[in-house]
Amino acid sequence: MHFRRLVLVTAACGLVSACGIEDWFTPAAPNKLPGKRIAILSHTKTLDVEAATQGDITVPPPERLTEWPQEGGYPSHSMQNKALSDHAERVWSAQLSEGGDKRRAFVSQPIVATDKVYALDSLSILTAFSLADGERLWRVDLGPEDAGDGSFGGGAAYDEGKLYVTTGYAQIVALNAETGAELWRKPLPAPVRGAPTVKNGRLVMVTVDNETLALSAEDGHQLWRHSGISETASFVGAPSPAIEGNTVLAPYTSGELFALRIENGTVEWSDVLAAVKRTDQVAELSDIGGLPVVDRGRVFAAGNSDVFAAIDLRTGRRLWEKEVGATHTPWIAGEYIYLLTNTSDLACFEARTGHVRWVHHLRAWEDEEEKDNPISWTGPIMAGGRLLVMSSFGDMVTIAPTTGDVMQTAELPDGVSIPPVISGDTMIVLTEEGNLIAYR
């Protein structure tokens, strides 16, 4: 199961009666009517290539990255094209203490710093591994004594020799990155299901109540807070805010995107990434599920409720928008941006105009004919000039960023619901069973 798409529903569903929907409290009819079944209610749009676009697609040269210190790599989440060999092979694997299930899930990426991989499991246990060979260096249980059997949420960020870890238990903990020793611990007003973003001595995070908190990295005391519209239901997990210069981009499950001053939380501008239409319960969730991305004065963000937009960082003016929904992080590379949509389409857009250059449809069902066993995809990331996407069935597909053609397919040991990270010549994949795998 793709845990990022698991929805927490807090309101009871009433009786549903509509054409083509069976009564929940009566047995199904013994025989199906003949003919092809086509969904007439769909909350997502499909994309078409725009013929007006011209010119060859180019991507920036690969850049070697020595660390992946927080969710999305850099505070801006603009990662471009990371260096990685064309023929990376599996070199080690390590098991975290627990995998995910319906009551607990991985929702944030592992991080890499100072030649170590840090991963938080579904029981809020943080483990440090050697990047070179996967040897376990230390392990710390960050959950309270009455934590039970797991939770949704949490993530880690690294800065200047310290780790800052949020948990689903409404706490943030600072650790010595070398030893795992606890430096300080602070309660939070509500659980945080995503990792904090750290920059210039400030930790910024979004709570489940749609509040942005800014804390001092020195001792965890609160600097300011900002509140959005609270939602009663949302997807599991939460994106980390983006930071560019003096501006924090805070995404909320309400579909609101706020630009806040990093010094005091003052609102610079705001937008709502949600279409004014609702066709089913999932469409009513307006989450900005992926990380906002900032690149050269432009903010790129996608909402589940069919809005993908580019926004001017300084003024908040929309530069362009597309009526397509997504819960994944857009990936910017040069003048092109790539997005995995809710319809399992991987699409390439011109970053300046929003024009669609190509669309590649990924397999959405294990059995396409019967529409049985849905497949969830995660990504993309660009490594070595290639786009990588991974699925809940353990597929890894390599796609050419210039054409959208499949270059290679491979099989992973287990399903993946979190995008991998890259450091040096190594790619780290975290599977849904809690297996950390290194490819080099």
Protein backbone atom coordinates (compact mmCIF):
# COMPACT_ATOMS: atom_id res chain seq x y z
CA MET A 1 0.00 0.00 0.00
CA HIS A 2 1.21 3.44 -0.78
CA PHE A 3 1.01 4.96 2.68
CA ARG A 4 1.21 8.55 1.46
CA ARG A 5 -2.14 8.00 -0.20
CA LEU A 6 -3.75 6.43 2.87
CA VAL A 7 -6.51 8.80 4.01
CA LEU A 8 -7.49 9.41 7.62
CA VAL A 9 -11.25 9.82 7.54
CA THR A 10 -12.69 11.28 10.73
CA ALA A 11 -16.33 11.68 9.64
CA ALA A 12 -18.60 8.64 9.21
CA CYS A 13 -19.74 7.95 5.65
CA GLY A 14 -23.51 7.91 5.10
CA LEU A 15 -25.50 5.58 2.93
CA VAL A 16 -24.61 5.98 -0.72
CA SER A 17 -27.03 5.41 -3.54
CA ALA A 18 -26.11 6.23 -7.10
CA CYS A 19 -26.00 4.70 -10.52
CA GLY A 20 -23.46 1.87 -10.63
CA ILE A 21 -22.80 1.80 -6.85
CA GLU A 22 -24.07 -1.21 -4.87
CA ASP A 23 -25.74 -0.88 -1.49
CA TRP A 24 -23.10 -1.40 1.24
CA PHE A 25 -25.46 -3.49 3.38
CA THR A 26 -26.71 -5.97 0.80
CA PRO A 27 -24.78 -8.72 -0.98
CA ALA A 28 -23.46 -8.05 -4.47
CA ALA A 29 -25.45 -9.24 -7.44
CA PRO A 30 -24.36 -12.74 -8.52
CA ASN A 31 -23.73 -11.71 -12.14
CA LYS A 32 -22.23 -8.57 -13.60
CA LEU A 33 -23.82 -6.90 -16.57
CA PRO A 34 -21.81 -7.39 -19.75
CA GLY A 35 -19.77 -4.58 -21.26
CA LYS A 36 -16.84 -2.35 -20.43
CA ARG A 37 -17.09 -0.33 -17.21
CA ILE A 38 -16.09 3.30 -17.48
CA ALA A 39 -15.87 5.70 -14.53
CA ILE A 40 -18.23 8.64 -15.07
CA LEU A 41 -17.14 10.53 -11.95
CA SER A 42 -13.48 11.41 -11.90
CA HIS A 43 -11.79 14.08 -9.81
CA THR A 44 -8.58 14.14 -11.85
CA LYS A 45 -7.70 15.55 -15.24
CA THR A 46 -5.50 13.97 -17.85
CA LEU A 47 -2.84 15.92 -19.69
CA ASP A 48 -2.34 16.41 -23.40
CA VAL A 49 0.91 17.40 -25.09
CA GLU A 50 0.71 20.96 -26.37
CA ALA A 51 1.71 21.12 -30.02
CA ALA A 52 2.69 24.78 -29.81
CA THR A 53 5.84 23.97 -27.88
CA GLN A 54 9.09 23.79 -29.84
CA GLY A 55 12.79 23.14 -29.33
CA ASP A 56 14.74 20.27 -27.82
CA ILE A 57 14.55 19.50 -24.11
CA THR A 58 17.87 19.84 -22.33
CA VAL A 59 18.80 19.12 -18.72
CA PRO A 60 21.65 20.58 -16.66
CA PRO A 61 24.85 18.52 -16.28
CA PRO A 62 24.98 16.09 -13.34
CA GLU A 63 26.10 17.59 -10.05
CA ARG A 64 27.78 15.46 -7.40
CA LEU A 65 26.01 15.79 -4.07
CA THR A 66 27.91 14.82 -0.91
CA GLU A 67 24.97 15.10 1.50
CA TRP A 68 21.17 14.92 1.52
CA PRO A 69 20.70 16.62 4.90
CA GLN A 70 16.92 17.10 5.02
CA GLU A 71 13.64 16.24 3.34
CA GLY A 72 13.87 17.24 -0.31
CA GLY A 73 17.66 17.67 -0.10
CA TYR A 74 18.09 21.44 0.14
CA PRO A 75 15.78 23.88 1.99
CA SER A 76 14.52 25.14 -1.39
CA HIS A 77 13.85 21.54 -2.55
CA SER A 78 15.38 22.42 -5.93
CA MET A 79 17.66 19.46 -6.67
CA GLN A 80 18.25 19.65 -10.45
CA ASN A 81 20.30 16.71 -11.84
CA LYS A 82 22.26 14.64 -9.31
CA ALA A 83 25.23 12.52 -10.39
CA LEU A 84 24.79 8.72 -10.38
CA SER A 85 26.36 5.94 -12.43
CA ASP A 86 24.42 4.45 -15.35
CA HIS A 87 24.95 0.97 -13.91
CA ALA A 88 24.43 1.31 -10.17
CA GLU A 89 24.34 -2.04 -8.36
CA ARG A 90 23.09 -3.06 -4.95
CA VAL A 91 26.00 -2.90 -2.47
CA TRP A 92 24.35 -3.30 0.93
CA SER A 93 21.04 -3.48 2.74
CA ALA A 94 20.02 -2.95 6.37
CA GLN A 95 16.78 -3.58 8.21
CA LEU A 96 15.17 -0.93 10.38
CA SER A 97 13.48 -2.13 13.52
CA GLU A 98 9.98 -2.00 12.05
CA GLY A 99 8.28 -1.76 8.67
CA GLY A 100 5.03 0.04 7.98
CA ASP A 101 1.46 -1.23 8.11
CA LYS A 102 -2.08 0.16 8.27
CA ARG A 103 -1.55 1.59 11.77
CA ARG A 104 1.87 3.11 11.20
CA ALA A 105 3.85 4.18 8.18
CA PHE A 106 7.03 5.70 6.84
CA VAL A 107 6.25 9.20 5.67
CA SER A 108 9.62 10.93 5.30
CA GLN A 109 12.89 10.28 3.52
CA PRO A 110 16.07 9.05 5.19
CA ILE A 111 18.79 11.69 5.20
CA VAL A 112 22.54 11.52 4.59
CA ALA A 113 25.24 13.62 6.28
CA THR A 114 28.87 13.13 7.35
CA ASP A 115 29.02 9.72 5.60
CA LYS A 116 26.09 8.42 7.64
CA VAL A 117 22.52 7.49 6.73
CA TYR A 118 19.86 8.39 9.29
CA ALA A 119 16.43 6.76 9.05
CA LEU A 120 13.36 7.09 11.28
CA ASP A 121 11.11 4.03 11.44
CA SER A 122 7.38 3.70 12.14
CA LEU A 123 8.03 3.33 15.89
CA SER A 124 9.95 6.64 16.09
CA ILE A 125 13.27 4.83 16.42
CA LEU A 126 16.11 6.69 14.71
CA THR A 127 19.02 4.58 13.45
CA ALA A 128 22.39 5.70 12.05
CA PHE A 129 24.16 3.55 9.45
CA SER A 130 27.52 3.84 7.72
CA LEU A 131 27.04 5.09 4.16
CA ALA A 132 30.03 3.01 3.04
CA ASP A 133 28.83 -0.46 4.06
CA GLY A 134 25.51 -0.17 5.92
CA GLU A 135 26.95 -1.02 9.35
CA ARG A 136 24.62 0.07 12.14
CA LEU A 137 26.35 2.74 14.25
CA TRP A 138 23.72 3.59 16.84
CA ARG A 139 19.97 3.47 17.49
CA VAL A 140 17.79 5.72 19.66
CA ASP A 141 14.14 5.25 20.62
CA LEU A 142 12.52 8.71 20.54
CA GLY A 143 9.00 7.64 21.49
CA PRO A 144 7.58 8.29 24.97
CA GLU A 145 7.27 5.41 27.43
CA ASP A 146 3.54 5.03 26.72
CA ALA A 147 4.01 5.27 22.95
CA GLY A 148 2.16 2.05 22.10
CA ASP A 149 2.82 0.24 18.84
CA GLY A 150 3.65 3.03 16.46
CA SER A 151 2.40 6.23 14.90
CA PHE A 152 2.08 8.14 11.68
CA GLY A 153 4.62 10.85 11.11
CA GLY A 154 7.94 12.35 11.90
CA GLY A 155 11.19 13.02 10.10
CA ALA A 156 14.77 14.18 10.56
CA ALA A 157 16.97 17.06 9.42
CA TYR A 158 20.71 17.64 9.88
CA ASP A 159 22.60 20.89 10.38
CA GLU A 160 26.02 21.70 11.87
CA GLY A 161 26.57 18.41 13.68
CA LYS A 162 23.04 18.10 15.07
CA LEU A 163 19.98 16.09 14.14
CA TYR A 164 16.50 17.56 14.62
CA VAL A 165 13.77 14.92 14.70
CA THR A 166 10.00 15.36 14.86
CA THR A 167 7.74 12.51 15.93
CA GLY A 168 4.05 11.68 15.72
CA TYR A 169 3.90 12.19 19.50
CA ALA A 170 3.98 16.02 19.35
CA GLN A 171 7.66 16.32 20.24
CA ILE A 172 10.86 17.51 18.63
CA VAL A 173 14.24 16.18 19.76
CA ALA A 174 17.77 17.44 19.07
CA LEU A 175 20.56 14.84 18.98
CA ASN A 176 24.30 14.74 18.57
CA ALA A 177 24.67 13.42 15.02
CA GLU A 178 27.87 11.52 15.83
CA THR A 179 26.70 9.64 18.91
CA GLY A 180 22.90 9.93 19.03
CA ALA A 181 23.07 11.56 22.48
CA GLU A 182 20.01 13.69 23.26
CA LEU A 183 20.73 17.43 23.50
CA TRP A 184 17.24 18.77 24.16
CA ARG A 185 13.58 17.80 23.76
CA LYS A 186 10.55 20.07 23.43
CA PRO A 187 6.80 19.40 23.36
CA LEU A 188 4.85 20.73 20.38
CA PRO A 189 1.25 21.99 20.35
CA ALA A 190 0.27 19.17 17.96
CA PRO A 191 1.91 16.21 16.19
CA VAL A 192 4.13 16.91 13.19
CA ARG A 193 3.90 14.27 10.47
CA GLY A 194 6.67 15.70 8.29
CA ALA A 195 10.33 16.51 8.78
CA PRO A 196 11.46 19.97 9.87
CA THR A 197 13.25 22.30 7.49
CA VAL A 198 16.37 23.89 8.97
CA LYS A 199 18.19 27.02 7.84
CA ASN A 200 20.08 29.86 9.51
CA GLY A 201 19.49 28.60 13.05
CA ARG A 202 15.74 28.15 12.59
CA LEU A 203 13.63 24.99 12.48
CA VAL A 204 10.36 25.32 10.57
CA MET A 205 7.64 22.65 10.52
CA VAL A 206 3.91 22.18 9.88
CA THR A 207 1.65 20.47 12.45
CA VAL A 208 -1.44 18.33 11.77
CA ASP A 209 -3.54 21.35 12.79
CA ASN A 210 -2.14 23.37 9.86
CA GLU A 211 0.09 25.53 12.00
CA THR A 212 3.60 26.53 10.95
CA LEU A 213 6.02 26.64 13.86
CA ALA A 214 9.44 28.30 13.84
CA LEU A 215 11.79 27.20 16.62
CA SER A 216 15.32 28.09 17.61
CA ALA A 217 17.77 25.39 16.58
CA GLU A 218 19.85 26.25 19.64
CA ASP A 219 17.40 25.21 22.34
CA GLY A 220 14.00 24.63 20.68
CA HIS A 221 12.18 27.66 22.05
CA GLN A 222 9.36 28.97 19.86
CA LEU A 223 10.09 32.03 17.73
CA TRP A 224 6.71 32.40 16.02
CA ARG A 225 3.71 30.46 14.73
CA HIS A 226 1.23 30.88 11.88
CA SER A 227 -2.20 29.22 11.53
CA GLY A 228 -4.02 28.11 8.39
CA ILE A 229 -7.49 26.61 8.04
CA SER A 230 -7.82 23.41 10.06
CA GLU A 231 -9.04 20.30 8.21
CA THR A 232 -10.88 17.29 9.66
CA ALA A 233 -9.37 14.79 7.19
CA SER A 234 -6.17 14.62 5.19
CA PHE A 235 -3.63 12.28 3.69
CA VAL A 236 -1.14 10.66 6.03
CA GLY A 237 2.12 12.56 6.19
CA ALA A 238 2.85 16.23 5.61
CA PRO A 239 5.29 18.08 3.36
CA SER A 240 8.15 20.05 4.84
CA PRO A 241 8.13 23.81 4.27
CA ALA A 242 10.52 25.27 1.70
CA ILE A 243 12.87 28.11 2.60
CA GLU A 244 14.44 30.47 0.07
CA GLY A 245 16.26 33.57 1.32
CA ASN A 246 14.07 35.19 3.97
CA THR A 247 10.86 33.47 2.84
CA VAL A 248 9.21 30.31 4.18
CA LEU A 249 6.74 28.52 1.89
CA ALA A 250 4.26 26.74 4.17
CA PRO A 251 1.90 24.16 2.56
CA TYR A 252 -1.29 23.13 4.34
CA THR A 253 -3.80 20.28 3.96
CA SER A 254 -6.44 22.93 3.20
CA GLY A 255 -4.66 23.62 -0.10
CA GLU A 256 -3.39 26.94 1.23
CA LEU A 257 0.16 27.97 0.43
CA PHE A 258 1.57 30.82 2.51
CA ALA A 259 4.75 32.82 1.98
CA LEU A 260 5.95 33.90 5.44
CA ARG A 261 8.82 36.06 6.63
CA ILE A 262 11.36 33.78 8.29
CA GLU A 263 12.13 36.42 10.97
CA ASN A 264 8.64 36.76 12.42
CA GLY A 265 6.08 34.75 10.41
CA THR A 266 4.46 37.79 8.78
CA VAL A 267 2.43 36.85 5.70
CA GLU A 268 3.93 38.09 2.42
CA TRP A 269 1.25 36.48 0.22
CA SER A 270 -0.96 33.42 0.04
CA ASP A 271 -2.64 31.21 -2.55
CA VAL A 272 -5.05 28.27 -2.57
CA LEU A 273 -4.21 25.28 -4.77
CA ALA A 274 -7.67 23.75 -4.99
CA ALA A 275 -10.19 23.63 -7.81
CA VAL A 276 -13.75 24.74 -7.06
CA LYS A 277 -15.33 21.35 -7.71
CA ARG A 278 -15.85 18.15 -5.80
CA THR A 279 -16.80 14.74 -7.20
CA ASP A 280 -15.87 12.27 -4.44
CA GLN A 281 -14.39 12.03 -0.97
CA VAL A 282 -10.79 11.88 -2.17
CA ALA A 283 -11.30 14.94 -4.37
CA GLU A 284 -12.52 16.86 -1.34
CA LEU A 285 -9.05 16.53 0.20
CA SER A 286 -7.22 19.66 -0.88
CA ASP A 287 -3.81 18.65 0.49
CA ILE A 288 -0.60 19.97 -0.91
CA GLY A 289 0.98 16.55 -0.49
CA GLY A 290 4.33 17.16 -2.16
CA LEU A 291 7.03 19.62 -1.16
CA PRO A 292 6.85 23.14 -2.60
CA VAL A 293 9.90 23.78 -4.81
CA VAL A 294 11.61 27.15 -5.23
CA ASP A 295 13.84 27.81 -8.22
CA ARG A 296 15.12 31.15 -9.53
CA GLY A 297 12.35 33.24 -8.05
CA ARG A 298 9.55 30.81 -8.90
CA VAL A 299 7.53 28.58 -6.58
CA PHE A 300 6.17 25.30 -7.98
CA ALA A 301 3.51 23.44 -6.01
CA ALA A 302 0.74 20.94 -6.71
CA GLY A 303 -2.49 20.24 -4.85
CA ASN A 304 -4.50 17.05 -4.76
CA SER A 305 -7.59 18.93 -5.89
CA ASP A 306 -6.47 19.55 -9.49
CA VAL A 307 -4.20 22.61 -9.35
CA PHE A 308 -0.51 22.65 -10.31
CA ALA A 309 0.89 26.16 -10.40
CA ALA A 310 4.00 28.28 -10.80
CA ILE A 311 3.98 31.39 -8.59
CA ASP A 312 6.25 34.42 -8.46
CA LEU A 313 8.18 34.19 -5.17
CA ARG A 314 8.29 37.94 -4.59
CA THR A 315 4.73 38.98 -5.44
CA GLY A 316 2.66 35.79 -5.17
CA ARG A 317 1.32 36.28 -8.70
CA ARG A 318 0.50 33.08 -10.54
CA LEU A 319 2.71 32.69 -13.60
CA TRP A 320 0.73 29.71 -14.93
CA GLU A 321 -1.46 26.89 -13.72
CA LYS A 322 -2.58 23.48 -14.92
CA GLU A 323 -5.77 21.64 -14.01
CA VAL A 324 -4.14 18.44 -12.81
CA GLY A 325 -3.89 16.93 -9.34
CA ALA A 326 -0.82 15.49 -7.63
CA THR A 327 0.38 14.51 -4.18
CA HIS A 328 4.05 14.23 -5.16
CA THR A 329 6.89 16.74 -5.20
CA PRO A 330 7.62 18.38 -8.57
CA TRP A 331 11.21 17.92 -9.75
CA ILE A 332 12.87 20.94 -11.38
CA ALA A 333 15.82 20.48 -13.74
CA GLY A 334 16.94 23.52 -15.68
CA GLU A 335 13.98 25.00 -17.55
CA TYR A 336 11.81 21.91 -17.23
CA ILE A 337 9.78 20.53 -14.38
CA TYR A 338 8.54 16.97 -13.98
CA LEU A 339 5.43 15.87 -12.06
CA LEU A 340 3.85 12.52 -11.21
CA THR A 341 0.08 13.08 -11.29
CA ASN A 342 -2.87 11.40 -9.60
CA THR A 343 -3.65 9.58 -12.86
CA SER A 344 -0.23 7.83 -12.83
CA ASP A 345 1.08 10.12 -15.56
CA LEU A 346 4.66 11.35 -15.46
CA ALA A 347 4.68 14.66 -17.33
CA CYS A 348 7.27 17.19 -18.43
CA PHE A 349 6.34 20.88 -18.31
CA GLU A 350 8.17 23.98 -19.47
CA ALA A 351 9.01 25.81 -16.26
CA ARG A 352 8.54 29.22 -17.88
CA THR A 353 5.18 28.66 -19.59
CA GLY A 354 3.71 25.47 -18.14
CA HIS A 355 3.38 23.94 -21.60
CA VAL A 356 3.25 20.14 -21.55
CA ARG A 357 6.13 18.65 -23.55
CA TRP A 358 5.45 14.96 -23.03
CA VAL A 359 3.33 12.60 -20.94
CA HIS A 360 4.22 9.02 -20.06
CA HIS A 361 1.46 6.89 -18.56
CA LEU A 362 2.62 4.43 -15.91
CA ARG A 363 0.78 1.19 -15.23
CA ALA A 364 -1.99 1.98 -12.74
CA TRP A 365 -3.24 -1.57 -12.03
CA GLU A 366 -1.68 -4.96 -11.64
CA ASP A 367 -4.52 -6.25 -13.80
CA GLU A 368 -5.29 -3.44 -16.26
CA GLU A 369 -8.20 -5.31 -17.83
CA GLU A 370 -10.09 -5.95 -14.57
CA LYS A 371 -8.84 -2.77 -12.85
CA ASP A 372 -7.63 -4.95 -9.97
CA ASN A 373 -4.88 -4.21 -7.39
CA PRO A 374 -4.03 -0.52 -7.87
CA ILE A 375 -0.35 0.44 -8.20
CA SER A 376 0.97 3.56 -6.50
CA TRP A 377 4.07 5.34 -7.79
CA THR A 378 6.51 7.69 -6.11
CA GLY A 379 8.99 10.19 -7.52
CA PRO A 380 10.36 11.35 -9.75
CA ILE A 381 13.98 12.09 -9.01
CA MET A 382 16.62 12.89 -11.61
CA ALA A 383 19.92 11.05 -11.25
CA GLY A 384 22.64 10.85 -13.86
CA GLY A 385 20.43 12.57 -16.42
CA ARG A 386 17.63 10.00 -15.99
CA LEU A 387 14.25 10.16 -14.28
CA LEU A 388 13.52 7.42 -11.74
CA VAL A 389 10.08 6.41 -10.45
CA MET A 390 9.31 3.52 -8.10
CA SER A 391 6.12 1.67 -7.29
CA SER A 392 4.26 -0.01 -4.45
CA PHE A 393 4.81 -3.31 -6.31
CA GLY A 394 8.61 -2.93 -6.29
CA ASP A 395 9.07 -1.66 -9.85
CA MET A 396 11.81 0.85 -10.66
CA VAL A 397 11.42 2.52 -14.05
CA THR A 398 14.05 4.72 -15.68
CA ILE A 399 12.67 7.32 -18.10
CA ALA A 400 14.44 9.66 -20.51
CA PRO A 401 13.80 13.27 -19.40
CA THR A 402 13.99 14.56 -22.98
CA THR A 403 11.40 12.23 -24.55
CA GLY A 404 9.49 10.40 -21.82
CA ASP A 405 10.59 7.03 -23.24
CA VAL A 406 11.34 4.11 -20.92
CA MET A 407 15.07 3.43 -20.81
CA GLN A 408 15.17 0.58 -18.30
CA THR A 409 13.07 -1.32 -15.80
CA ALA A 410 14.24 -3.16 -12.69
CA GLU A 411 12.68 -5.00 -9.78
CA LEU A 412 13.20 -3.98 -6.16
CA PRO A 413 12.89 -6.42 -3.22
CA ASP A 414 9.74 -4.71 -2.00
CA GLY A 415 7.35 -1.85 -2.66
CA VAL A 416 8.46 1.77 -2.23
CA SER A 417 6.32 4.72 -1.14
CA ILE A 418 9.03 7.32 -0.42
CA PRO A 419 11.39 8.78 -3.06
CA PRO A 420 15.04 7.66 -2.71
CA VAL A 421 17.90 9.97 -1.79
CA ILE A 422 21.36 10.37 -3.33
CA SER A 423 24.74 11.10 -1.79
CA GLY A 424 28.00 10.89 -3.67
CA ASP A 425 27.81 7.83 -5.91
CA THR A 426 25.17 6.11 -3.75
CA MET A 427 21.37 5.99 -3.98
CA ILE A 428 19.47 5.00 -0.82
CA VAL A 429 16.04 3.38 -1.13
CA LEU A 430 13.71 2.79 1.84
CA THR A 431 11.11 0.08 1.20
CA GLU A 432 7.71 -0.27 2.85
CA GLU A 433 9.03 -3.24 4.85
CA GLY A 434 11.66 -1.05 6.48
CA ASN A 435 14.57 -2.31 4.36
CA LEU A 436 17.23 0.29 3.63
CA ILE A 437 19.02 -0.54 0.35
CA ALA A 438 22.11 1.16 -1.12
CA TYR A 439 22.88 1.19 -4.87
CA ARG A 440 26.27 2.30 -6.08
